[in-house]
Amino acid sequence: MAVRAVLVTPLSGALAEYGRAGAAGLRVWADRFADPGPVRLAVIDAHPDPRAAVREAEQHEPDLLFGPYGSGPMAKVAAATELPVFNHGGARLEPREHVVNVLAPAASYFRGALEALQREDPGIRRVSVLHGETGFGRGVGRGAGKTAERLGLAVERVALPVEPPDADVLLVAGRFEEELAVARRLRRGRWAAFVGAGVDEVLAELGDRREGLLGPAQWLPSAAPEPDEGPTAAEFVAAYRNSTGTEPPYPAAQAFASGIIAARCLREAGVPDRSGLLAAARRLDRTTLFGRFRLDPASGRQVGHRVLTVQWQDGERVVVWPPEQARATLRRP
C-alpha cells in the first residue's frame, strides 16, 4: 500500500519560488528515494491561507504531513492541526509537541559568524544587531544577542530601518529589501553579516561590494556531510537536476531531507500514528545529506543540525565555519 504524504507550502505569493523548490525536492524523494515506498505525494498551496490549506490536507488522511516554507506559514499550519508535522521551512518556529523540526533554529543563524570573528579578530568588543520587526527578524536578533553576550561582547539590538551604527561587527536580519538597503550604505572594510548574504540572489545587485560579507547557510552541496541515512549530496543533486533541469537550492535540500527523516520515523514506528511518529523522531540521531538530525528530547528543538557560515570571496560563497566543514579561512573585508 502506498504511503500517503501531503506537503502544504506556498506555490503562489511572495514565497512561491522557495515553496516550489521545496516541493520539487520532496518530489525527488517521493519518486526516487522513499523507503518505505511507493509514496503518493499531494502538494497543496499554502497561500494565501495556510490554515485552510492544512484543513484540506487533513482530508487526504496523510500518513506523513510536511509543513511549508516560511516561518509565518509554518506557525499557522502548526496551530491549525494536531497531526505530526515535519517542519523543513520554518526556522523561527518555537518547539511544539507535534512538530518535528528538521532545520536549525533561527536563533542560531549568527552563532558561527560571531565565533569565527572572535577567533580571527580578538580585538572585537562591540556588536550591533539590526533586526526587522517580523517574528523571524526578532528571533534571529535575540539569538545573536545571546551569543554575543556568551562570548563576552557588548551588544546592542536596534530595530530596522536604521543607518548602520558604528560597531566592530554589524549583524543584520530583516526583510530582504531592508537588508539590501543597509548593505548599500555599509562602509567598506567593516565586519558584517546579513541573513541574505547566505544565499546567491538577495544581495546580488551589490556586485563586488558583496565581497567579505558573511551570512548563514542551511545547506551547501560542497559542504554536505557523508550521510548514514539516505543518498549522498551528489546523488540528490543529480536526481534533482534530472527532474527539474536546475541545481537544487537550499529549500529543496531541506524538504528532501525531511522526507528521508519522516520515512525513517515511519519505519521505526511501524504504523503512521501520532505517538509512534513523534516518539521515533525524539529517539532518532542520524545524518542526512542536509546534516545531522537530533532533537532535544525534552523540548523538541533541533540540536543536531548546525547552520554553516559562509563568506563572499572572489565572487563566490565559501564555508568558513564550523572548522570541520570550512573550505576557506576568514578574510578581512
C-alpha atoms as a PDB file:
ATOM      1  CA  MET A   1       0.000   0.000   0.000  1.00  0.00           C
ATOM      2  CA  ALA A   2       1.327   3.457  -0.921  1.00  0.00           C
ATOM      3  CA  VAL A   3       2.363   5.908   1.779  1.00  0.00           C
ATOM      4  CA  ARG A   4       0.089   8.955   1.679  1.00  0.00           C
ATOM      5  CA  ALA A   5       2.135  12.140   2.013  1.00  0.00           C
ATOM      6  CA  VAL A   6       0.961  15.741   1.802  1.00  0.00           C
ATOM      7  CA  LEU A   7       3.063  18.883   1.530  1.00  0.00           C
ATOM      8  CA  VAL A   8       1.454  22.226   2.380  1.00  0.00           C
ATOM      9  CA  THR A   9       3.667  25.039   1.074  1.00  0.00           C
ATOM     10  CA  PRO A  10       3.448  28.356  -0.833  1.00  0.00           C
ATOM     11  CA  LEU A  11       3.075  27.764  -4.565  1.00  0.00           C
ATOM     12  CA  SER A  12       1.963  31.348  -5.181  1.00  0.00           C
ATOM     13  CA  GLY A  13       2.571  34.658  -3.446  1.00  0.00           C
ATOM     14  CA  ALA A  14       5.841  36.152  -2.210  1.00  0.00           C
ATOM     15  CA  LEU A  15       7.343  32.833  -1.066  1.00  0.00           C
ATOM     16  CA  ALA A  16       6.349  30.857  -4.157  1.00  0.00           C
ATOM     17  CA  GLU A  17       9.898  30.468  -5.510  1.00  0.00           C
ATOM     18  CA  TYR A  18      11.058  28.846  -2.291  1.00  0.00           C
ATOM     19  CA  GLY A  19       7.915  26.781  -1.814  1.00  0.00           C
ATOM     20  CA  ARG A  20       8.108  25.383  -5.325  1.00  0.00           C
ATOM     21  CA  ALA A  21      11.764  24.460  -4.845  1.00  0.00           C
ATOM     22  CA  GLY A  22      10.842  22.587  -1.675  1.00  0.00           C
ATOM     23  CA  ALA A  23       8.021  20.824  -3.488  1.00  0.00           C
ATOM     24  CA  ALA A  24      10.420  19.762  -6.243  1.00  0.00           C
ATOM     25  CA  GLY A  25      12.898  18.451  -3.663  1.00  0.00           C
ATOM     26  CA  LEU A  26      10.241  16.449  -1.832  1.00  0.00           C
ATOM     27  CA  ARG A  27       9.003  15.095  -5.164  1.00  0.00           C
ATOM     28  CA  VAL A  28      12.500  13.759  -5.870  1.00  0.00           C
ATOM     29  CA  TRP A  29      12.378  11.966  -2.519  1.00  0.00           C
ATOM     30  CA  ALA A  30       8.923  10.527  -3.182  1.00  0.00           C
ATOM     31  CA  ASP A  31       9.748   9.389  -6.715  1.00  0.00           C
ATOM     32  CA  ARG A  32      13.319   8.154  -6.282  1.00  0.00           C
ATOM     33  CA  PHE A  33      14.442   7.647  -2.695  1.00  0.00           C
ATOM     34  CA  ALA A  34      11.431   6.905  -0.474  1.00  0.00           C
ATOM     35  CA  ASP A  35      11.823   3.944   1.886  1.00  0.00           C
ATOM     36  CA  PRO A  36       9.195   2.708   2.571  1.00  0.00           C
ATOM     37  CA  GLY A  37       7.577   3.299  -0.777  1.00  0.00           C
ATOM     38  CA  PRO A  38       5.796   3.837  -3.001  1.00  0.00           C
ATOM     39  CA  VAL A  39       4.703   7.321  -1.926  1.00  0.00           C
ATOM     40  CA  ARG A  40       1.633   9.133  -3.200  1.00  0.00           C
ATOM     41  CA  LEU A  41       2.525  12.817  -2.704  1.00  0.00           C
ATOM     42  CA  ALA A  42      -0.033  15.622  -2.834  1.00  0.00           C
ATOM     43  CA  VAL A  43       1.062  19.274  -2.787  1.00  0.00           C
ATOM     44  CA  ILE A  44      -1.342  21.994  -1.607  1.00  0.00           C
ATOM     45  CA  ASP A  45      -0.774  25.746  -1.956  1.00  0.00           C
ATOM     46  CA  ALA A  46      -0.421  27.365   1.469  1.00  0.00           C
ATOM     47  CA  HIS A  47      -1.006  30.839   0.008  1.00  0.00           C
ATOM     48  CA  PRO A  48      -2.946  32.859   0.965  1.00  0.00           C
ATOM     49  CA  ASP A  49      -4.430  30.807   3.838  1.00  0.00           C
ATOM     50  CA  PRO A  50      -2.173  28.160   5.441  1.00  0.00           C
ATOM     51  CA  ARG A  51      -4.914  27.180   7.878  1.00  0.00           C
ATOM     52  CA  ALA A  52      -7.375  26.384   5.101  1.00  0.00           C
ATOM     53  CA  ALA A  53      -4.635  24.534   3.226  1.00  0.00           C
ATOM     54  CA  VAL A  54      -3.861  22.244   6.160  1.00  0.00           C
ATOM     55  CA  ARG A  55      -7.557  21.520   6.648  1.00  0.00           C
ATOM     56  CA  GLU A  56      -7.619  20.429   3.013  1.00  0.00           C
ATOM     57  CA  ALA A  57      -4.514  18.318   3.660  1.00  0.00           C
ATOM     58  CA  GLU A  58      -6.259  16.551   6.539  1.00  0.00           C
ATOM     59  CA  GLN A  59      -8.945  15.387   4.121  1.00  0.00           C
ATOM     60  CA  HIS A  60      -6.278  13.248   2.434  1.00  0.00           C
ATOM     61  CA  GLU A  61      -5.741  11.392   5.745  1.00  0.00           C
ATOM     62  CA  PRO A  62      -1.950  11.611   5.311  1.00  0.00           C
ATOM     63  CA  ASP A  63       0.470   9.161   6.803  1.00  0.00           C
ATOM     64  CA  LEU A  64       3.097  11.928   6.632  1.00  0.00           C
ATOM     65  CA  LEU A  65       2.394  15.677   6.680  1.00  0.00           C
ATOM     66  CA  PHE A  66       5.070  18.197   5.647  1.00  0.00           C
ATOM     67  CA  GLY A  67       4.852  21.865   6.555  1.00  0.00           C
ATOM     68  CA  PRO A  68       5.528  24.924   4.392  1.00  0.00           C
ATOM     69  CA  TYR A  69       8.497  27.095   3.578  1.00  0.00           C
ATOM     70  CA  GLY A  70       8.433  30.216   5.749  1.00  0.00           C
ATOM     71  CA  SER A  71       8.247  30.704   9.493  1.00  0.00           C
ATOM     72  CA  GLY A  72       4.950  32.606   9.315  1.00  0.00           C
ATOM     73  CA  PRO A  73       3.084  29.995   7.243  1.00  0.00           C
ATOM     74  CA  MET A  74       4.620  27.182   9.316  1.00  0.00           C
ATOM     75  CA  ALA A  75       3.393  28.715  12.572  1.00  0.00           C
ATOM     76  CA  LYS A  76      -0.145  28.921  11.171  1.00  0.00           C
ATOM     77  CA  VAL A  77      -0.049  25.320   9.964  1.00  0.00           C
ATOM     78  CA  ALA A  78       1.209  24.105  13.334  1.00  0.00           C
ATOM     79  CA  ALA A  79      -1.572  25.956  15.126  1.00  0.00           C
ATOM     80  CA  ALA A  80      -4.266  24.577  12.819  1.00  0.00           C
ATOM     81  CA  THR A  81      -3.625  20.833  13.101  1.00  0.00           C
ATOM     82  CA  GLU A  82      -2.855  18.195  15.707  1.00  0.00           C
ATOM     83  CA  LEU A  83      -1.267  15.861  13.165  1.00  0.00           C
ATOM     84  CA  PRO A  84       2.511  15.420  13.340  1.00  0.00           C
ATOM     85  CA  VAL A  85       4.120  17.979  11.019  1.00  0.00           C
ATOM     86  CA  PHE A  86       7.637  17.648   9.627  1.00  0.00           C
ATOM     87  CA  ASN A  87       8.963  21.209   9.596  1.00  0.00           C
ATOM     88  CA  HIS A  88      11.658  21.869   6.991  1.00  0.00           C
ATOM     89  CA  GLY A  89      10.941  25.519   6.228  1.00  0.00           C
ATOM     90  CA  GLY A  90      10.131  27.431   9.421  1.00  0.00           C
ATOM     91  CA  ALA A  91      13.372  28.224  11.236  1.00  0.00           C
ATOM     92  CA  ARG A  92      11.765  30.598  13.742  1.00  0.00           C
ATOM     93  CA  LEU A  93       9.043  28.240  14.949  1.00  0.00           C
ATOM     94  CA  GLU A  94       9.160  27.624  18.687  1.00  0.00           C
ATOM     95  CA  PRO A  95       9.171  23.917  19.559  1.00  0.00           C
ATOM     96  CA  ARG A  96       5.740  22.280  19.691  1.00  0.00           C
ATOM     97  CA  GLU A  97       4.932  18.772  20.779  1.00  0.00           C
ATOM     98  CA  HIS A  98       3.566  17.648  17.408  1.00  0.00           C
ATOM     99  CA  VAL A  99       6.169  19.386  15.202  1.00  0.00           C
ATOM    100  CA  VAL A 100       9.357  17.626  14.065  1.00  0.00           C
ATOM    101  CA  ASN A 101      11.943  20.333  13.356  1.00  0.00           C
ATOM    102  CA  VAL A 102      14.456  19.332  10.685  1.00  0.00           C
ATOM    103  CA  LEU A 103      16.406  22.570  10.290  1.00  0.00           C
ATOM    104  CA  ALA A 104      18.477  24.578  12.752  1.00  0.00           C
ATOM    105  CA  PRO A 105      16.572  27.326  14.599  1.00  0.00           C
ATOM    106  CA  ALA A 106      16.778  30.950  13.512  1.00  0.00           C
ATOM    107  CA  ALA A 107      18.277  31.919  16.869  1.00  0.00           C
ATOM    108  CA  SER A 108      21.475  30.118  15.841  1.00  0.00           C
ATOM    109  CA  TYR A 109      21.909  31.862  12.467  1.00  0.00           C
ATOM    110  CA  PHE A 110      24.733  34.220  13.527  1.00  0.00           C
ATOM    111  CA  ARG A 111      26.387  31.955  16.114  1.00  0.00           C
ATOM    112  CA  GLY A 112      29.027  30.741  13.677  1.00  0.00           C
ATOM    113  CA  ALA A 113      29.800  34.217  12.360  1.00  0.00           C
ATOM    114  CA  LEU A 114      30.455  35.546  15.852  1.00  0.00           C
ATOM    115  CA  GLU A 115      32.557  32.537  16.855  1.00  0.00           C
ATOM    116  CA  ALA A 116      34.619  32.776  13.664  1.00  0.00           C
ATOM    117  CA  LEU A 117      35.104  36.529  14.002  1.00  0.00           C
ATOM    118  CA  GLN A 118      36.162  36.322  17.624  1.00  0.00           C
ATOM    119  CA  ARG A 119      38.820  33.767  16.726  1.00  0.00           C
ATOM    120  CA  GLU A 120      40.028  35.818  13.727  1.00  0.00           C
ATOM    121  CA  ASP A 121      39.930  39.240  15.399  1.00  0.00           C
ATOM    122  CA  PRO A 122      40.319  39.121  19.208  1.00  0.00           C
ATOM    123  CA  GLY A 123      40.069  42.918  19.298  1.00  0.00           C
ATOM    124  CA  ILE A 124      36.328  42.806  18.605  1.00  0.00           C
ATOM    125  CA  ARG A 125      34.412  44.320  21.506  1.00  0.00           C
ATOM    126  CA  ARG A 126      31.083  45.761  20.293  1.00  0.00           C
ATOM    127  CA  VAL A 127      28.352  44.126  18.214  1.00  0.00           C
ATOM    128  CA  SER A 128      25.290  45.830  16.735  1.00  0.00           C
ATOM    129  CA  VAL A 129      22.337  43.638  15.798  1.00  0.00           C
ATOM    130  CA  LEU A 130      19.894  45.226  13.343  1.00  0.00           C
ATOM    131  CA  HIS A 131      16.667  43.262  13.120  1.00  0.00           C
ATOM    132  CA  GLY A 132      13.323  43.549  11.405  1.00  0.00           C
ATOM    133  CA  GLU A 133      10.015  43.553  13.243  1.00  0.00           C
ATOM    134  CA  THR A 134       8.875  40.200  11.887  1.00  0.00           C
ATOM    135  CA  GLY A 135       8.948  37.210  14.202  1.00  0.00           C
ATOM    136  CA  PHE A 136      11.837  35.829  12.170  1.00  0.00           C
ATOM    137  CA  GLY A 137      13.906  39.016  12.414  1.00  0.00           C
ATOM    138  CA  ARG A 138      13.345  39.335  16.145  1.00  0.00           C
ATOM    139  CA  GLY A 139      14.169  35.648  16.657  1.00  0.00           C
ATOM    140  CA  VAL A 140      17.465  35.928  14.789  1.00  0.00           C
ATOM    141  CA  GLY A 141      18.254  39.145  16.656  1.00  0.00           C
ATOM    142  CA  ARG A 142      17.596  37.666  20.087  1.00  0.00           C
ATOM    143  CA  GLY A 143      19.735  34.638  19.309  1.00  0.00           C
ATOM    144  CA  ALA A 144      22.588  36.792  18.028  1.00  0.00           C
ATOM    145  CA  GLY A 145      22.423  38.943  21.135  1.00  0.00           C
ATOM    146  CA  LYS A 146      22.615  35.934  23.442  1.00  0.00           C
ATOM    147  CA  THR A 147      25.576  34.520  21.525  1.00  0.00           C
ATOM    148  CA  ALA A 148      27.416  37.852  21.698  1.00  0.00           C
ATOM    149  CA  GLU A 149      26.847  38.045  25.452  1.00  0.00           C
ATOM    150  CA  ARG A 150      28.040  34.463  25.904  1.00  0.00           C
ATOM    151  CA  LEU A 151      31.256  35.403  24.098  1.00  0.00           C
ATOM    152  CA  GLY A 152      31.774  38.393  26.397  1.00  0.00           C
ATOM    153  CA  LEU A 153      30.928  41.036  23.776  1.00  0.00           C
ATOM    154  CA  ALA A 154      28.959  44.225  24.320  1.00  0.00           C
ATOM    155  CA  VAL A 155      25.796  44.092  22.221  1.00  0.00           C
ATOM    156  CA  GLU A 156      23.054  46.480  21.171  1.00  0.00           C
ATOM    157  CA  ARG A 157      19.892  45.489  19.325  1.00  0.00           C
ATOM    158  CA  VAL A 158      18.294  48.062  17.030  1.00  0.00           C
ATOM    159  CA  ALA A 159      15.077  47.759  15.022  1.00  0.00           C
ATOM    160  CA  LEU A 160      15.214  48.377  11.277  1.00  0.00           C
ATOM    161  CA  PRO A 161      15.180  50.649   9.341  1.00  0.00           C
ATOM    162  CA  VAL A 162      18.210  52.498  10.660  1.00  0.00           C
ATOM    163  CA  GLU A 163      21.570  53.794   9.495  1.00  0.00           C
ATOM    164  CA  PRO A 164      24.376  51.268  10.114  1.00  0.00           C
ATOM    165  CA  PRO A 165      25.716  52.021  13.631  1.00  0.00           C
ATOM    166  CA  ASP A 166      29.414  52.345  14.375  1.00  0.00           C
ATOM    167  CA  ALA A 167      30.370  48.975  15.918  1.00  0.00           C
ATOM    168  CA  ASP A 168      33.098  46.383  15.467  1.00  0.00           C
ATOM    169  CA  VAL A 169      30.621  43.898  13.997  1.00  0.00           C
ATOM    170  CA  LEU A 170      27.285  44.514  12.295  1.00  0.00           C
ATOM    171  CA  LEU A 171      24.682  41.734  12.123  1.00  0.00           C
ATOM    172  CA  VAL A 172      21.540  42.301  10.019  1.00  0.00           C
ATOM    173  CA  ALA A 173      18.359  40.197   9.978  1.00  0.00           C
ATOM    174  CA  GLY A 174      15.333  41.690   8.277  1.00  0.00           C
ATOM    175  CA  ARG A 175      13.211  41.515   5.192  1.00  0.00           C
ATOM    176  CA  PHE A 176      15.398  41.163   2.160  1.00  0.00           C
ATOM    177  CA  GLU A 177      14.646  44.694   0.966  1.00  0.00           C
ATOM    178  CA  GLU A 178      15.610  46.029   4.427  1.00  0.00           C
ATOM    179  CA  GLU A 179      18.887  44.139   4.385  1.00  0.00           C
ATOM    180  CA  LEU A 180      19.699  45.388   0.903  1.00  0.00           C
ATOM    181  CA  ALA A 181      19.078  48.985   1.992  1.00  0.00           C
ATOM    182  CA  VAL A 182      21.557  48.591   4.874  1.00  0.00           C
ATOM    183  CA  ALA A 183      24.107  46.852   2.663  1.00  0.00           C
ATOM    184  CA  ARG A 184      24.027  49.704   0.155  1.00  0.00           C
ATOM    185  CA  ARG A 185      25.064  52.138   2.921  1.00  0.00           C
ATOM    186  CA  LEU A 186      27.646  49.898   4.508  1.00  0.00           C
ATOM    187  CA  ARG A 187      31.137  51.314   4.795  1.00  0.00           C
ATOM    188  CA  ARG A 188      33.732  49.086   3.136  1.00  0.00           C
ATOM    189  CA  GLY A 189      36.145  47.277   5.391  1.00  0.00           C
ATOM    190  CA  ARG A 190      33.647  46.531   8.160  1.00  0.00           C
ATOM    191  CA  TRP A 191      32.904  43.099   9.569  1.00  0.00           C
ATOM    192  CA  ALA A 192      29.269  42.499   8.682  1.00  0.00           C
ATOM    193  CA  ALA A 193      26.899  39.564   8.368  1.00  0.00           C
ATOM    194  CA  PHE A 194      23.490  39.513   6.688  1.00  0.00           C
ATOM    195  CA  VAL A 195      20.935  36.718   6.575  1.00  0.00           C
ATOM    196  CA  GLY A 196      20.573  37.495   2.870  1.00  0.00           C
ATOM    197  CA  ALA A 197      24.324  37.065   2.283  1.00  0.00           C
ATOM    198  CA  GLY A 198      23.880  33.346   2.875  1.00  0.00           C
ATOM    199  CA  VAL A 199      22.149  32.891  -0.499  1.00  0.00           C
ATOM    200  CA  ASP A 200      23.059  33.864  -4.031  1.00  0.00           C
ATOM    201  CA  GLU A 201      20.292  36.195  -5.092  1.00  0.00           C
ATOM    202  CA  VAL A 202      19.346  38.588  -2.264  1.00  0.00           C
ATOM    203  CA  LEU A 203      22.352  40.947  -2.328  1.00  0.00           C
ATOM    204  CA  ALA A 204      23.383  40.217  -5.911  1.00  0.00           C
ATOM    205  CA  GLU A 205      22.920  43.800  -7.081  1.00  0.00           C
ATOM    206  CA  LEU A 206      25.827  44.867  -4.836  1.00  0.00           C
ATOM    207  CA  GLY A 207      28.266  43.180  -7.214  1.00  0.00           C
ATOM    208  CA  ASP A 208      31.814  43.240  -5.881  1.00  0.00           C
ATOM    209  CA  ARG A 209      30.676  45.214  -2.815  1.00  0.00           C
ATOM    210  CA  ARG A 210      29.355  41.900  -1.525  1.00  0.00           C
ATOM    211  CA  GLU A 211      32.962  40.729  -1.072  1.00  0.00           C
ATOM    212  CA  GLY A 212      33.778  39.912   2.546  1.00  0.00           C
ATOM    213  CA  LEU A 213      30.181  39.793   3.761  1.00  0.00           C
ATOM    214  CA  LEU A 214      29.226  36.862   5.981  1.00  0.00           C
ATOM    215  CA  GLY A 215      25.961  35.004   6.115  1.00  0.00           C
ATOM    216  CA  PRO A 216      24.254  31.856   7.397  1.00  0.00           C
ATOM    217  CA  ALA A 217      23.550  28.954   5.037  1.00  0.00           C
ATOM    218  CA  GLN A 218      21.392  25.996   5.985  1.00  0.00           C
ATOM    219  CA  TRP A 219      22.991  23.861   3.267  1.00  0.00           C
ATOM    220  CA  LEU A 220      25.597  23.859   0.524  1.00  0.00           C
ATOM    221  CA  PRO A 221      26.281  20.721  -1.540  1.00  0.00           C
ATOM    222  CA  SER A 222      30.039  21.346  -1.413  1.00  0.00           C
ATOM    223  CA  ALA A 223      29.998  21.121   2.391  1.00  0.00           C
ATOM    224  CA  ALA A 224      27.448  18.330   2.759  1.00  0.00           C
ATOM    225  CA  PRO A 225      28.418  15.541   5.158  1.00  0.00           C
ATOM    226  CA  GLU A 226      28.632  11.848   4.340  1.00  0.00           C
ATOM    227  CA  PRO A 227      25.165  10.561   5.252  1.00  0.00           C
ATOM    228  CA  ASP A 228      24.293   7.447   7.188  1.00  0.00           C
ATOM    229  CA  GLU A 229      20.649   7.859   6.139  1.00  0.00           C
ATOM    230  CA  GLY A 230      19.594   8.385   2.536  1.00  0.00           C
ATOM    231  CA  PRO A 231      21.618   9.270  -0.562  1.00  0.00           C
ATOM    232  CA  THR A 232      24.694  11.451  -0.835  1.00  0.00           C
ATOM    233  CA  ALA A 233      24.505  15.096  -1.829  1.00  0.00           C
ATOM    234  CA  ALA A 234      25.902  14.212  -5.271  1.00  0.00           C
ATOM    235  CA  GLU A 235      23.164  11.629  -5.832  1.00  0.00           C
ATOM    236  CA  PHE A 236      20.471  14.082  -4.763  1.00  0.00           C
ATOM    237  CA  VAL A 237      21.870  16.882  -6.915  1.00  0.00           C
ATOM    238  CA  ALA A 238      21.961  14.593  -9.953  1.00  0.00           C
ATOM    239  CA  ALA A 239      18.397  13.402  -9.377  1.00  0.00           C
ATOM    240  CA  TYR A 240      17.105  16.954  -8.822  1.00  0.00           C
ATOM    241  CA  ARG A 241      18.903  18.197 -11.930  1.00  0.00           C
ATOM    242  CA  ASN A 242      17.454  15.323 -13.937  1.00  0.00           C
ATOM    243  CA  SER A 243      13.949  16.103 -12.639  1.00  0.00           C
ATOM    244  CA  THR A 244      13.958  19.902 -12.958  1.00  0.00           C
ATOM    245  CA  GLY A 245      16.879  20.832 -15.230  1.00  0.00           C
ATOM    246  CA  THR A 246      18.243  23.125 -12.499  1.00  0.00           C
ATOM    247  CA  GLU A 247      20.552  22.956  -9.489  1.00  0.00           C
ATOM    248  CA  PRO A 248      18.850  22.395  -6.121  1.00  0.00           C
ATOM    249  CA  PRO A 249      18.640  25.459  -3.853  1.00  0.00           C
ATOM    250  CA  TYR A 250      18.634  25.050  -0.092  1.00  0.00           C
ATOM    251  CA  PRO A 251      14.802  24.799   0.288  1.00  0.00           C
ATOM    252  CA  ALA A 252      14.882  21.739  -1.974  1.00  0.00           C
ATOM    253  CA  ALA A 253      17.551  20.070   0.172  1.00  0.00           C
ATOM    254  CA  GLN A 254      15.656  20.887   3.372  1.00  0.00           C
ATOM    255  CA  ALA A 255      12.439  19.374   2.048  1.00  0.00           C
ATOM    256  CA  PHE A 256      14.220  16.342   0.639  1.00  0.00           C
ATOM    257  CA  ALA A 257      15.914  15.698   3.992  1.00  0.00           C
ATOM    258  CA  SER A 258      12.578  15.982   5.762  1.00  0.00           C
ATOM    259  CA  GLY A 259      11.301  13.182   3.526  1.00  0.00           C
ATOM    260  CA  ILE A 260      14.283  10.987   4.443  1.00  0.00           C
ATOM    261  CA  ILE A 261      13.762  11.683   8.170  1.00  0.00           C
ATOM    262  CA  ALA A 262       9.984  11.203   8.024  1.00  0.00           C
ATOM    263  CA  ALA A 263      10.362   7.872   6.241  1.00  0.00           C
ATOM    264  CA  ARG A 264      12.854   6.687   8.855  1.00  0.00           C
ATOM    265  CA  CYS A 265      10.419   7.682  11.624  1.00  0.00           C
ATOM    266  CA  LEU A 266       7.640   5.773   9.857  1.00  0.00           C
ATOM    267  CA  ARG A 267       9.825   2.675   9.615  1.00  0.00           C
ATOM    268  CA  GLU A 268      10.731   2.958  13.288  1.00  0.00           C
ATOM    269  CA  ALA A 269       7.111   3.470  14.361  1.00  0.00           C
ATOM    270  CA  GLY A 270       5.719   0.711  12.157  1.00  0.00           C
ATOM    271  CA  VAL A 271       2.368   2.493  11.795  1.00  0.00           C
ATOM    272  CA  PRO A 272       1.709   6.166  10.972  1.00  0.00           C
ATOM    273  CA  ASP A 273       0.068   7.170  14.263  1.00  0.00           C
ATOM    274  CA  ARG A 274       0.872  10.410  16.062  1.00  0.00           C
ATOM    275  CA  SER A 275       2.503   8.989  19.180  1.00  0.00           C
ATOM    276  CA  GLY A 276       4.625   6.474  17.261  1.00  0.00           C
ATOM    277  CA  LEU A 277       5.969   9.002  14.748  1.00  0.00           C
ATOM    278  CA  LEU A 278       6.753  11.608  17.388  1.00  0.00           C
ATOM    279  CA  ALA A 279       8.426   9.100  19.705  1.00  0.00           C
ATOM    280  CA  ALA A 280      10.547   7.816  16.826  1.00  0.00           C
ATOM    281  CA  ALA A 281      11.591  11.364  15.943  1.00  0.00           C
ATOM    282  CA  ARG A 282      12.635  12.073  19.545  1.00  0.00           C
ATOM    283  CA  ARG A 283      14.851   8.978  19.558  1.00  0.00           C
ATOM    284  CA  LEU A 284      16.407   9.479  16.136  1.00  0.00           C
ATOM    285  CA  ASP A 285      20.032  10.504  15.708  1.00  0.00           C
ATOM    286  CA  ARG A 286      21.042  10.220  12.053  1.00  0.00           C
ATOM    287  CA  THR A 287      22.908  12.209   9.408  1.00  0.00           C
ATOM    288  CA  THR A 288      21.421  13.001   6.019  1.00  0.00           C
ATOM    289  CA  LEU A 289      22.948  14.998   3.174  1.00  0.00           C
ATOM    290  CA  PHE A 290      21.456  18.037   4.951  1.00  0.00           C
ATOM    291  CA  GLY A 291      23.401  17.345   8.139  1.00  0.00           C
ATOM    292  CA  ARG A 292      22.821  15.763  11.496  1.00  0.00           C
ATOM    293  CA  PHE A 293      19.283  15.266  12.796  1.00  0.00           C
ATOM    294  CA  ARG A 294      18.817  15.106  16.549  1.00  0.00           C
ATOM    295  CA  LEU A 295      16.080  16.628  18.687  1.00  0.00           C
ATOM    296  CA  ASP A 296      16.371  17.698  22.271  1.00  0.00           C
ATOM    297  CA  PRO A 297      14.173  15.010  23.869  1.00  0.00           C
ATOM    298  CA  ALA A 298      12.661  17.456  26.358  1.00  0.00           C
ATOM    299  CA  SER A 299      11.888  20.477  24.146  1.00  0.00           C
ATOM    300  CA  GLY A 300      11.856  19.061  20.621  1.00  0.00           C
ATOM    301  CA  ARG A 301      14.292  21.748  19.485  1.00  0.00           C
ATOM    302  CA  GLN A 302      16.645  20.722  16.671  1.00  0.00           C
ATOM    303  CA  VAL A 303      20.122  20.453  18.197  1.00  0.00           C
ATOM    304  CA  GLY A 304      21.889  18.208  15.685  1.00  0.00           C
ATOM    305  CA  HIS A 305      21.823  20.367  12.574  1.00  0.00           C
ATOM    306  CA  ARG A 306      24.163  23.353  12.540  1.00  0.00           C
ATOM    307  CA  VAL A 307      23.971  26.356  10.244  1.00  0.00           C
ATOM    308  CA  LEU A 308      27.013  26.947   8.059  1.00  0.00           C
ATOM    309  CA  THR A 309      28.688  30.356   7.993  1.00  0.00           C
ATOM    310  CA  VAL A 310      29.734  31.493   4.530  1.00  0.00           C
ATOM    311  CA  GLN A 311      31.743  34.463   3.319  1.00  0.00           C
ATOM    312  CA  TRP A 312      31.759  36.015  -0.129  1.00  0.00           C
ATOM    313  CA  GLN A 313      35.255  35.558  -1.519  1.00  0.00           C
ATOM    314  CA  ASP A 314      36.188  36.228  -5.157  1.00  0.00           C
ATOM    315  CA  GLY A 315      32.514  36.333  -6.121  1.00  0.00           C
ATOM    316  CA  GLU A 316      31.537  33.033  -4.502  1.00  0.00           C
ATOM    317  CA  ARG A 317      30.120  31.812  -1.207  1.00  0.00           C
ATOM    318  CA  VAL A 318      32.650  29.702   0.666  1.00  0.00           C
ATOM    319  CA  VAL A 319      32.173  27.971   4.011  1.00  0.00           C
ATOM    320  CA  VAL A 320      34.371  29.449   6.752  1.00  0.00           C
ATOM    321  CA  TRP A 321      32.700  27.945   9.855  1.00  0.00           C
ATOM    322  CA  PRO A 322      32.393  25.492  11.570  1.00  0.00           C
ATOM    323  CA  PRO A 323      36.069  24.483  11.251  1.00  0.00           C
ATOM    324  CA  GLU A 324      35.340  20.849  10.399  1.00  0.00           C
ATOM    325  CA  GLN A 325      33.310  21.902   7.343  1.00  0.00           C
ATOM    326  CA  ALA A 326      35.241  25.028   6.357  1.00  0.00           C
ATOM    327  CA  ARG A 327      36.521  25.244   2.793  1.00  0.00           C
ATOM    328  CA  ALA A 328      38.407  28.523   3.280  1.00  0.00           C
ATOM    329  CA  THR A 329      39.755  30.782   6.006  1.00  0.00           C
ATOM    330  CA  LEU A 330      38.053  34.003   7.001  1.00  0.00           C
ATOM    331  CA  ARG A 331      39.233  37.080   5.084  1.00  0.00           C
ATOM    332  CA  ARG A 332      39.173  40.649   6.268  1.00  0.00           C
ATOM    333  CA  PRO A 333      36.736  42.668   4.119  1.00  0.00           C
END
